[in-house]
N, C-alpha and C. Protein backbone atom coordinates (compact mmCIF):
# COMPACT_ATOMS: atom_id res chain seq x y z
N UNK A 1 3.67 -3.13 -24.37
CA UNK A 1 4.57 -2.31 -23.81
C UNK A 1 4.15 -2.72 -22.03
N UNK A 2 5.76 -3.12 -21.54
CA UNK A 2 5.87 -3.68 -20.11
C UNK A 2 6.14 -2.49 -19.22
N UNK A 3 5.30 -2.47 -18.21
CA UNK A 3 5.12 -1.84 -17.14
C UNK A 3 6.82 -1.54 -16.29
N UNK A 4 7.14 -0.64 -15.78
CA UNK A 4 8.03 -0.01 -15.40
C UNK A 4 8.30 -0.28 -13.90
N UNK A 5 8.82 -0.22 -13.00
CA UNK A 5 9.09 -0.70 -11.64
C UNK A 5 8.59 0.77 -11.16
N UNK A 6 8.20 1.93 -11.64
CA UNK A 6 7.71 3.20 -10.98
C UNK A 6 6.07 3.15 -11.65
N UNK A 7 5.92 1.88 -12.25
CA UNK A 7 4.43 2.39 -12.70
C UNK A 7 3.35 1.25 -11.70
N UNK A 8 3.90 0.89 -10.78
CA UNK A 8 3.53 0.15 -9.68
C UNK A 8 2.83 1.64 -8.29
N UNK A 9 3.83 2.44 -8.34
CA UNK A 9 3.51 3.25 -7.19
C UNK A 9 2.71 4.37 -7.94
N UNK A 10 3.02 4.20 -9.28
CA UNK A 10 2.34 5.67 -9.80
C UNK A 10 0.30 5.36 -9.82
N UNK A 11 0.39 4.19 -10.45
CA UNK A 11 -1.00 3.75 -10.41
C UNK A 11 -1.67 3.34 -8.86
N UNK A 12 -1.00 3.18 -7.82
CA UNK A 12 -1.18 3.31 -6.68
C UNK A 12 -1.99 4.31 -5.95
N UNK A 13 -0.99 5.35 -6.46
CA UNK A 13 -1.04 6.79 -6.25
C UNK A 13 -2.27 7.30 -6.48
N UNK A 14 -2.88 6.73 -8.03
CA UNK A 14 -4.01 7.42 -8.61
C UNK A 14 -5.18 6.61 -7.82
N UNK A 15 -4.83 5.49 -7.19
CA UNK A 15 -6.40 4.68 -6.38
C UNK A 15 -6.26 3.89 -6.99
N UNK A 16 -5.61 3.32 -8.15
CA UNK A 16 -5.79 1.47 -8.89
C UNK A 16 -5.26 0.51 -8.60
N UNK A 17 -5.19 -0.44 -8.24
CA UNK A 17 -4.51 -1.83 -8.09
C UNK A 17 -3.48 -1.68 -8.66
N UNK A 18 -2.13 -1.64 -7.76
CA UNK A 18 -1.01 -1.42 -8.63
C UNK A 18 -0.40 -2.36 -9.42
N UNK A 19 -1.24 -3.83 -9.39
CA UNK A 19 -0.86 -4.82 -10.17
C UNK A 19 -1.17 -4.62 -11.60
N UNK A 20 -2.22 -4.74 -11.50
CA UNK A 20 -3.03 -4.31 -12.98
C UNK A 20 -3.31 -3.12 -13.69
N UNK A 21 -3.47 -2.10 -12.69
CA UNK A 21 -4.02 -0.39 -12.97
C UNK A 21 -5.14 -0.33 -13.25
N UNK A 22 -6.00 -1.16 -13.56
CA UNK A 22 -7.42 -1.35 -13.64
C UNK A 22 -8.70 -0.98 -12.66
N UNK A 23 -8.23 -1.97 -11.30
CA UNK A 23 -9.35 -1.91 -10.62
C UNK A 23 -9.14 -0.69 -9.63
N UNK A 24 -9.80 -0.53 -8.85
CA UNK A 24 -10.01 0.51 -7.44
C UNK A 24 -8.69 -0.23 -6.71
N UNK A 25 -8.52 0.53 -5.91
CA UNK A 25 -7.49 0.26 -4.97
C UNK A 25 -8.29 0.46 -3.49
N UNK A 26 -8.88 1.42 -3.66
CA UNK A 26 -9.49 1.50 -2.22
C UNK A 26 -11.14 1.47 -2.39
N UNK A 27 -11.53 0.92 -1.60
CA UNK A 27 -13.17 0.35 -1.35
C UNK A 27 -14.03 1.16 -0.46
N UNK A 28 -13.17 2.42 0.20
CA UNK A 28 -13.70 3.73 0.79
C UNK A 28 -12.67 4.75 1.17
N UNK A 29 -12.99 6.02 1.86
CA UNK A 29 -11.71 6.53 2.13
C UNK A 29 -10.98 6.28 2.23
N UNK A 30 -10.63 4.85 3.21
CA UNK A 30 -9.14 4.76 3.40
C UNK A 30 -9.02 3.15 4.02
N UNK A 31 -10.06 2.55 3.12
CA UNK A 31 -10.50 0.93 3.31
C UNK A 31 -9.65 0.54 2.03
N UNK A 32 -8.41 -0.36 2.36
CA UNK A 32 -7.94 -1.23 0.64
C UNK A 32 -8.92 -1.78 0.62
N UNK A 33 -9.13 -2.18 -0.88
CA UNK A 33 -9.92 -3.45 -1.10
C UNK A 33 -8.61 -4.70 -0.96
N UNK A 34 -9.35 -5.79 -0.27
CA UNK A 34 -8.61 -7.05 -0.29
C UNK A 34 -8.57 -8.00 -1.37
N UNK A 35 -8.94 -8.14 -2.60
CA UNK A 35 -8.72 -8.74 -3.02
C UNK A 35 -9.06 -7.72 -4.45
N UNK A 36 -7.97 -7.86 -5.43
CA UNK A 36 -8.54 -7.18 -6.95
C UNK A 36 -9.34 -7.41 -7.47
N UNK A 37 -10.52 -7.33 -7.85
CA UNK A 37 -11.98 -7.76 -8.75
C UNK A 37 -10.64 -8.47 -10.37
N UNK A 38 -9.92 -7.87 -10.70
CA UNK A 38 -9.70 -7.58 -12.01
C UNK A 38 -8.52 -8.61 -12.46
N UNK A 39 -7.40 -8.64 -11.68
CA UNK A 39 -6.48 -9.56 -11.95
C UNK A 39 -6.34 -10.69 -10.73
N UNK A 40 -6.90 -10.32 -9.51
CA UNK A 40 -6.94 -11.39 -8.21
C UNK A 40 -5.57 -10.95 -7.00
N UNK A 41 -5.11 -10.07 -7.48
CA UNK A 41 -4.21 -10.02 -6.23
C UNK A 41 -4.83 -9.63 -4.96
N UNK A 42 -4.21 -10.02 -3.81
CA UNK A 42 -4.08 -9.77 -2.63
C UNK A 42 -3.74 -8.36 -2.02
N UNK A 43 -4.11 -7.36 -1.83
CA UNK A 43 -3.21 -6.58 -1.19
C UNK A 43 -2.99 -6.30 0.10
N UNK A 44 -3.67 -7.38 1.29
CA UNK A 44 -3.15 -7.47 2.35
C UNK A 44 -2.91 -9.15 2.73
N UNK A 45 -1.43 -9.29 2.65
CA UNK A 45 -1.27 -10.58 2.96
C UNK A 45 -1.35 -10.77 4.29
N UNK A 46 -1.01 -9.93 5.23
CA UNK A 46 -1.41 -10.14 6.55
C UNK A 46 -1.61 -8.73 7.40
N UNK A 47 -2.00 -9.81 8.41
CA UNK A 47 -2.70 -8.57 9.61
C UNK A 47 -1.67 -7.50 9.57
N UNK A 48 -2.26 -6.37 9.39
CA UNK A 48 -0.87 -5.51 10.47
C UNK A 48 -0.38 -4.35 9.23
N UNK A 49 -0.65 -4.87 8.03
CA UNK A 49 0.14 -4.64 6.88
C UNK A 49 0.17 -2.36 6.60
N UNK A 50 -0.72 -2.09 7.08
CA UNK A 50 -1.45 -0.91 7.01
C UNK A 50 -0.55 0.06 7.97
N UNK A 51 0.42 -0.77 9.25
CA UNK A 51 0.62 -0.31 10.79
C UNK A 51 1.58 1.17 10.01
N UNK A 52 2.73 0.59 9.00
CA UNK A 52 3.53 1.68 8.71
C UNK A 52 3.15 2.81 8.06
N UNK A 53 1.99 2.69 7.24
CA UNK A 53 1.49 4.08 7.47
C UNK A 53 0.35 4.78 8.01
N UNK A 54 -0.01 3.99 8.98
CA UNK A 54 -0.74 4.64 10.04
C UNK A 54 0.38 5.05 11.23
N UNK A 55 1.48 4.65 11.20
CA UNK A 55 2.49 5.14 11.99
C UNK A 55 2.94 6.65 11.45
N UNK A 56 3.84 6.42 10.53
CA UNK A 56 4.11 7.61 9.17
C UNK A 56 3.06 8.94 9.39
N UNK A 57 1.85 8.29 9.41
CA UNK A 57 0.40 9.40 9.24
C UNK A 57 0.66 10.22 10.61
N UNK A 58 1.25 9.22 11.81
CA UNK A 58 0.88 9.85 13.03
C UNK A 58 2.25 11.29 13.66
N UNK A 59 3.41 10.22 13.20
CA UNK A 59 4.19 10.70 12.93
C UNK A 59 4.21 12.27 12.19
N UNK A 60 3.75 12.31 10.93
CA UNK A 60 3.37 13.67 10.28
C UNK A 60 2.44 14.50 10.91
N UNK A 61 1.73 14.17 11.66
CA UNK A 61 0.76 14.78 12.18
C UNK A 61 1.51 15.29 13.72
N UNK A 62 2.35 14.66 14.31
CA UNK A 62 2.84 15.52 14.84
C UNK A 62 4.13 16.38 14.54
N UNK A 63 4.69 16.04 13.77
CA UNK A 63 5.43 16.78 13.24
C UNK A 63 4.88 18.57 13.11
N UNK A 64 3.29 18.34 12.44
CA UNK A 64 2.97 19.53 11.94
C UNK A 64 2.46 20.63 13.24
N UNK A 65 1.72 19.73 13.79
CA UNK A 65 0.93 20.25 14.94
C UNK A 65 1.70 20.53 16.43
N UNK A 66 3.27 19.96 16.08
CA UNK A 66 4.53 20.93 17.04
C UNK A 66 5.01 21.48 16.40
N UNK A 67 5.21 21.38 15.00
CA UNK A 67 6.42 22.76 14.38
C UNK A 67 5.35 23.85 14.70
N UNK A 68 3.69 23.94 14.14
CA UNK A 68 2.90 25.35 14.37
C UNK A 68 3.13 25.47 15.79
N UNK A 69 3.10 24.52 16.95
CA UNK A 69 3.06 25.25 18.55
C UNK A 69 4.39 25.74 18.41
N UNK A 70 5.57 25.27 18.15
CA UNK A 70 6.81 26.35 18.27
C UNK A 70 6.90 27.43 17.47
N UNK A 71 6.33 27.26 16.22
CA UNK A 71 6.53 28.35 15.53
C UNK A 71 5.66 29.75 16.32
N UNK A 72 4.33 29.52 16.71
CA UNK A 72 3.41 30.37 17.20
C UNK A 72 3.85 31.24 18.88
N UNK A 73 4.89 30.12 19.19
CA UNK A 73 5.98 30.88 20.34
C UNK A 73 6.82 31.42 20.06
N UNK A 74 7.45 30.91 18.75
CA UNK A 74 8.65 31.92 18.68
C UNK A 74 8.60 33.28 17.83
N UNK A 75 7.34 33.42 17.45
CA UNK A 75 6.44 34.65 16.80
C UNK A 75 6.13 35.27 17.43
N UNK A 76 4.89 34.81 18.48
CA UNK A 76 4.05 35.46 19.33
C UNK A 76 4.73 35.43 20.76
N UNK A 77 5.21 34.72 21.57
CA UNK A 77 5.86 34.78 23.10
C UNK A 77 4.97 34.80 23.71
N UNK A 78 3.98 33.73 23.47
CA UNK A 78 2.95 33.24 24.35
C UNK A 78 2.33 31.90 23.70
N UNK A 79 1.65 31.48 24.95
CA UNK A 79 1.28 29.75 24.64
C UNK A 79 0.19 29.89 23.51
N UNK A 80 0.07 28.82 22.42
CA UNK A 80 -0.95 28.69 21.68
C UNK A 80 -1.80 27.33 22.45
N UNK A 81 -3.62 27.67 22.04
CA UNK A 81 -4.26 26.96 22.58
C UNK A 81 -3.89 25.78 22.07
N UNK A 82 -4.13 24.91 22.66
CA UNK A 82 -3.93 23.34 22.43
C UNK A 82 -4.68 22.60 21.65
N UNK A 83 -5.66 23.62 21.01
CA UNK A 83 -6.79 23.10 20.17
C UNK A 83 -5.94 23.29 18.39
N UNK A 84 -5.23 24.28 18.39
CA UNK A 84 -5.14 24.86 16.92
C UNK A 84 -3.91 23.60 16.65
N UNK A 85 -2.77 23.25 17.21
CA UNK A 85 -1.89 22.05 16.81
C UNK A 85 -2.62 20.51 16.55
N UNK A 86 -3.73 20.46 17.78
CA UNK A 86 -4.18 18.99 17.69
C UNK A 86 -5.20 19.17 16.13
N UNK A 87 -5.81 20.09 15.73
CA UNK A 87 -6.47 20.30 14.39
C UNK A 87 -5.50 20.35 13.68
N UNK A 88 -4.71 20.69 13.62
CA UNK A 88 -3.44 21.19 12.49
C UNK A 88 -2.96 19.89 12.08
N UNK A 89 -2.90 19.05 13.38
CA UNK A 89 -1.74 17.55 13.57
C UNK A 89 -2.70 16.60 12.87
N UNK A 90 -4.02 16.52 13.39
CA UNK A 90 -5.38 15.88 12.85
C UNK A 90 -5.55 15.78 11.55
N UNK A 91 -5.69 17.16 10.94
CA UNK A 91 -5.48 17.45 9.39
C UNK A 91 -4.19 16.65 8.46
N UNK A 92 -3.21 16.66 9.05
CA UNK A 92 -2.08 16.25 8.54
C UNK A 92 -2.01 14.88 8.51
N UNK A 93 -2.73 14.33 9.33
CA UNK A 93 -2.61 12.62 9.19
C UNK A 93 -4.12 12.23 8.67
N UNK A 94 -5.22 13.23 8.74
CA UNK A 94 -6.14 12.91 7.66
C UNK A 94 -5.56 12.92 6.25
N UNK A 95 -4.84 14.07 5.98
CA UNK A 95 -4.74 14.24 4.57
C UNK A 95 -3.49 13.21 3.85
N UNK A 96 -2.63 12.66 4.75
CA UNK A 96 -1.89 11.83 4.44
C UNK A 96 -1.52 10.34 4.67
N UNK A 97 -2.84 9.83 5.28
CA UNK A 97 -3.16 8.13 5.55
C UNK A 97 -3.19 7.44 4.31
N UNK A 98 -4.14 8.38 3.32
CA UNK A 98 -4.35 7.69 2.35
C UNK A 98 -3.30 7.77 0.82
N UNK A 99 -2.27 8.46 1.10
CA UNK A 99 -1.10 8.89 0.11
C UNK A 99 -0.47 7.69 0.45
N UNK A 100 -0.11 7.69 2.11
CA UNK A 100 0.82 6.86 2.43
C UNK A 100 0.35 5.10 2.56
N UNK A 101 -0.64 5.12 2.30
CA UNK A 101 -1.21 3.61 1.97
C UNK A 101 -0.85 3.17 0.75
N UNK A 102 -1.42 4.18 -0.11
CA UNK A 102 -1.07 4.18 -1.54
C UNK A 102 0.52 3.81 -1.97
N UNK A 103 1.02 4.76 -1.33
CA UNK A 103 2.63 4.47 -1.53
C UNK A 103 3.13 3.06 -1.14
N UNK A 104 2.52 2.38 -0.12
CA UNK A 104 3.32 1.25 0.70
C UNK A 104 2.69 0.07 0.26
N UNK A 105 1.26 0.49 -0.30
CA UNK A 105 0.61 -0.65 -1.44
C UNK A 105 1.33 -0.50 -2.69
N UNK A 106 2.02 0.30 -3.65
CA UNK A 106 3.15 0.45 -4.86
C UNK A 106 3.98 -0.45 -4.35
N UNK A 107 4.86 0.01 -3.25
CA UNK A 107 6.35 -0.20 -2.56
C UNK A 107 5.82 -2.05 -2.46
N UNK A 108 4.85 -2.36 -1.78
CA UNK A 108 4.75 -3.99 -1.48
C UNK A 108 4.84 -4.91 -2.84
N UNK A 109 3.93 -3.93 -3.70
CA UNK A 109 3.86 -4.67 -5.24
C UNK A 109 5.14 -4.71 -6.04
N UNK A 110 5.71 -3.78 -5.61
CA UNK A 110 6.90 -3.85 -6.24
C UNK A 110 8.62 -4.97 -5.68
N UNK A 111 7.96 -5.27 -4.50
CA UNK A 111 8.73 -5.92 -3.93
C UNK A 111 8.24 -7.49 -3.75
N UNK A 112 7.19 -7.52 -4.56
CA UNK A 112 7.01 -9.00 -4.97
C UNK A 112 5.78 -9.52 -3.88
N UNK A 113 5.42 -8.81 -2.37
CA UNK A 113 4.67 -8.78 -1.36
C UNK A 113 2.99 -9.06 -2.27
N UNK A 114 2.72 -8.26 -3.12
CA UNK A 114 1.39 -8.63 -3.72
C UNK A 114 1.30 -9.39 -4.86
N UNK A 115 0.72 -10.47 -4.46
CA UNK A 115 0.31 -11.66 -5.47
C UNK A 115 -0.84 -12.51 -5.50
N UNK A 116 -1.24 -12.82 -6.64
CA UNK A 116 -2.43 -13.78 -6.53
C UNK A 116 -2.95 -14.77 -5.31
N UNK A 117 -3.75 -14.74 -4.88
CA UNK A 117 -4.41 -16.17 -4.26
C UNK A 117 -3.84 -17.43 -4.84
N UNK A 118 -3.37 -18.21 -4.07
CA UNK A 118 -3.11 -19.58 -4.12
C UNK A 118 -4.22 -20.30 -5.31
N UNK A 119 -4.31 -21.01 -5.92
CA UNK A 119 -5.00 -21.89 -6.66
C UNK A 119 -5.36 -23.48 -6.37
N UNK A 120 -6.33 -23.82 -6.56
CA UNK A 120 -6.52 -25.10 -5.83
C UNK A 120 -6.82 -25.91 -7.18
N UNK A 121 -6.34 -27.15 -7.54
CA UNK A 121 -6.86 -27.98 -8.36
C UNK A 121 -6.62 -29.15 -8.17
N UNK A 122 -7.66 -29.64 -8.06
CA UNK A 122 -7.95 -31.35 -6.93
C UNK A 122 -7.52 -31.07 -5.69
N UNK A 123 -6.32 -31.93 -4.96
CA UNK A 123 -5.74 -31.70 -3.92
C UNK A 123 -4.40 -30.99 -3.88
N UNK A 124 -3.89 -30.15 -5.20
CA UNK A 124 -2.39 -29.83 -5.36
C UNK A 124 -2.90 -28.15 -5.23
N UNK A 125 -2.18 -27.45 -4.42
CA UNK A 125 -2.45 -25.99 -3.98
C UNK A 125 -1.44 -25.09 -4.29
N UNK A 126 -0.86 -24.60 -5.45
CA UNK A 126 0.05 -23.92 -5.95
C UNK A 126 -0.40 -22.26 -6.54
N UNK A 127 0.41 -21.54 -6.17
CA UNK A 127 0.51 -20.06 -6.66
C UNK A 127 0.78 -19.96 -8.28
N UNK A 128 0.20 -18.90 -8.75
CA UNK A 128 0.23 -19.10 -10.52
C UNK A 128 1.47 -18.99 -10.72
N UNK A 129 2.55 -17.77 -10.03
CA UNK A 129 3.92 -18.16 -10.47
C UNK A 129 4.21 -19.10 -10.34
N UNK A 130 4.11 -20.13 -9.71
CA UNK A 130 5.27 -21.48 -9.77
C UNK A 130 4.31 -22.20 -10.70
N UNK A 131 2.98 -22.24 -11.06
CA UNK A 131 2.36 -23.09 -11.97
C UNK A 131 3.29 -22.16 -13.25
N UNK A 132 3.01 -21.37 -13.25
CA UNK A 132 3.60 -20.58 -14.98
C UNK A 132 5.24 -21.61 -14.97
N UNK A 133 5.62 -21.51 -13.90
CA UNK A 133 7.20 -22.08 -13.93
C UNK A 133 7.52 -23.65 -14.06
N UNK A 134 6.73 -24.52 -13.55
CA UNK A 134 6.22 -25.64 -14.00
C UNK A 134 6.05 -25.97 -15.71
N UNK A 135 5.19 -25.44 -15.75
CA UNK A 135 4.59 -25.39 -17.14
C UNK A 135 5.92 -24.78 -18.30
N UNK A 136 6.88 -23.69 -17.98
CA UNK A 136 7.61 -23.69 -18.77
C UNK A 136 8.71 -24.71 -18.24
N UNK A 137 8.78 -25.33 -17.67
CA UNK A 137 10.26 -26.04 -17.50
C UNK A 137 9.77 -27.53 -18.17
N UNK A 138 8.56 -28.02 -18.27
CA UNK A 138 7.72 -28.89 -19.00
C UNK A 138 7.83 -28.58 -20.23
N UNK A 139 7.72 -27.52 -20.85
CA UNK A 139 8.06 -27.33 -22.54
C UNK A 139 9.09 -27.58 -22.71
N UNK A 140 10.24 -26.99 -21.93
CA UNK A 140 11.68 -27.11 -22.35
C UNK A 140 12.25 -28.31 -21.90
N UNK A 141 11.52 -29.13 -21.27
CA UNK A 141 12.25 -30.61 -20.82
C UNK A 141 13.19 -30.65 -19.88
N UNK A 142 12.98 -29.40 -18.97
CA UNK A 142 13.46 -29.20 -17.85
C UNK A 142 12.99 -29.61 -16.45
N UNK A 143 12.52 -30.74 -16.83
CA UNK A 143 11.63 -30.83 -15.37
C UNK A 143 12.15 -31.25 -14.23
N UNK A 144 11.88 -30.55 -12.90
CA UNK A 144 12.52 -30.62 -11.88
C UNK A 144 11.37 -30.93 -10.73
N UNK A 145 12.02 -31.52 -9.41
CA UNK A 145 11.11 -31.90 -8.67
C UNK A 145 10.68 -30.75 -7.91
N UNK A 146 9.61 -29.93 -7.28
CA UNK A 146 9.61 -28.64 -6.45
C UNK A 146 8.94 -29.53 -5.22
């Protein structure tokens, strides 16, 4: 049974590797496993991969904290304690960060950005996909220099 496009995101939201669905995606509460133990994909190719998730999480925190402040002022016509929106915003950030990281990991896998590490054979370094394509071409007699 082949996996559909939504399977990558579903696996990641369950906290599993978006590529294989077997190994855990997280090594801790928020820390993503660098390389999957089962299929070998590297979840973070570049530094700053999770900045998008952090930014969206902070935006949600500001939205809920600010929304609470505006609602409180509209209902009670008094200034709310600065601690309440800060705590609500912090709670929104903590609750959403892992989910947003999972969504991003699934989306990166769908986009082809989550791939296995390069394979070294002698002095040749190549990716598994390139190796498989070369083998396929060799079997079909369609040899092409890459």
